[in-house]
Protein backbone atom coordinates (compact mmCIF):
# COMPACT_ATOMS: atom_id res chain seq x y z
CA MET A 1 -22.25 6.28 -30.69
CA SER A 2 -24.50 8.78 -32.44
CA GLY A 3 -24.22 11.00 -35.47
CA GLY A 4 -22.83 8.29 -37.69
CA ALA A 5 -19.79 7.58 -35.56
CA GLY A 6 -20.40 3.83 -35.43
CA PRO A 7 -18.97 1.11 -37.64
CA PHE A 8 -20.21 0.52 -41.19
CA GLU A 9 -19.25 -1.34 -44.37
CA ILE A 10 -18.05 -0.41 -47.83
CA LEU A 11 -19.07 -2.84 -50.57
CA LEU A 12 -16.83 -2.80 -53.64
CA ALA A 13 -19.41 -3.58 -56.31
CA TRP A 14 -16.84 -4.72 -58.89
CA SER A 15 -15.59 -7.51 -56.65
CA ASP A 16 -18.32 -8.06 -54.03
CA ARG A 17 -15.61 -7.44 -51.43
CA VAL A 18 -16.80 -5.90 -48.18
CA LEU A 19 -14.50 -3.57 -46.25
CA PRO A 20 -15.38 -3.05 -42.59
CA VAL A 21 -14.91 0.48 -41.27
CA ALA A 22 -14.54 0.56 -37.50
CA ALA A 23 -15.95 3.38 -35.41
CA ASP A 24 -12.45 4.69 -34.73
CA THR A 25 -11.22 4.81 -38.34
CA THR A 26 -12.25 6.45 -41.62
CA ALA A 27 -13.62 5.14 -44.88
CA LEU A 28 -10.50 6.56 -46.51
CA ALA A 29 -8.23 4.50 -44.25
CA ALA A 30 -10.24 1.35 -45.04
CA LEU A 31 -10.04 2.03 -48.79
CA LEU A 32 -6.30 2.70 -48.69
CA ALA A 33 -5.66 -0.41 -46.57
CA ALA A 34 -7.51 -2.46 -49.21
CA GLY A 35 -5.26 -1.07 -51.94
CA ILE A 36 -7.90 1.18 -53.51
CA ALA A 37 -6.30 4.22 -55.14
CA VAL A 38 -7.72 7.30 -53.43
CA GLU A 39 -5.75 10.54 -53.06
CA PRO A 40 -5.84 11.59 -49.38
CA GLY A 41 -5.66 15.38 -49.73
CA CYS A 42 -6.36 17.58 -46.70
CA MET A 43 -8.01 14.86 -44.56
CA THR A 44 -10.59 17.40 -43.30
CA GLY A 45 -13.25 17.24 -46.03
CA GLY A 46 -12.38 20.65 -47.38
CA CYS A 47 -10.39 20.07 -50.56
CA GLY A 48 -12.32 17.37 -52.42
CA MET A 49 -9.21 15.51 -53.49
CA CYS A 50 -10.45 12.18 -52.08
CA VAL A 51 -13.98 12.46 -53.51
CA THR A 52 -15.24 8.98 -54.32
CA ALA A 53 -18.33 8.04 -56.31
CA TYR A 54 -20.94 5.80 -54.74
CA VAL A 55 -24.01 4.09 -56.17
CA GLU A 56 -25.90 3.30 -52.99
CA GLY A 57 -25.71 4.08 -49.31
CA ASP A 58 -26.99 5.89 -46.29
CA LEU A 59 -24.27 8.53 -46.29
CA ILE A 60 -23.62 10.96 -43.50
CA HIS A 61 -21.78 13.75 -45.29
CA LYS A 62 -19.35 15.68 -43.12
CA ASP A 63 -17.39 17.47 -45.84
CA THR A 64 -17.50 21.17 -46.67
CA CYS A 65 -16.57 20.92 -50.35
CA LEU A 66 -19.42 19.05 -52.08
CA SER A 67 -22.68 20.64 -53.18
CA ALA A 68 -26.04 19.05 -52.39
CA SER A 69 -26.21 17.81 -55.97
CA GLU A 70 -22.73 16.26 -55.83
CA ARG A 71 -23.56 14.52 -52.54
CA LYS A 72 -26.19 12.44 -54.34
CA HIS A 73 -23.45 10.41 -56.03
CA ALA A 74 -20.14 11.23 -54.28
CA PHE A 75 -18.66 11.47 -50.79
CA CYS A 76 -15.40 12.40 -49.09
CA PRO A 77 -14.18 9.23 -47.39
CA CYS A 78 -11.75 11.17 -45.22
CA VAL A 79 -14.61 12.50 -43.06
CA SER A 80 -17.97 11.15 -44.24
CA ARG A 81 -19.51 8.00 -42.85
CA ALA A 82 -22.52 5.77 -43.39
CA GLY A 83 -25.25 4.44 -41.17
CA THR A 84 -24.69 0.86 -42.30
CA ARG A 85 -23.21 0.50 -45.80
CA ILE A 86 -21.84 2.36 -48.82
CA VAL A 87 -21.64 0.68 -52.24
CA ILE A 88 -18.97 2.01 -54.56
CA ALA A 89 -18.39 1.02 -58.16
CA GLY A 90 -15.01 1.16 -59.84
């Protein structure tokens, strides 16, 4: 799959826990399934309610709400993906 549609991982830096994100699911679904408090919002990357900070990663931003500057440290897990891994810190 191209365009960042493949599987990737989310590393929770505060616990060293790794959450797999399958090609057919979202980072938001993986975070919620792991019990991480993230507000879902519109689920289309337009509202910014689910914006989550990250400290490292090869992000593929697919939202329409974050500026280029904001994308350097935050992503919308409802639509954005990663090439291989995203590291988030609590």
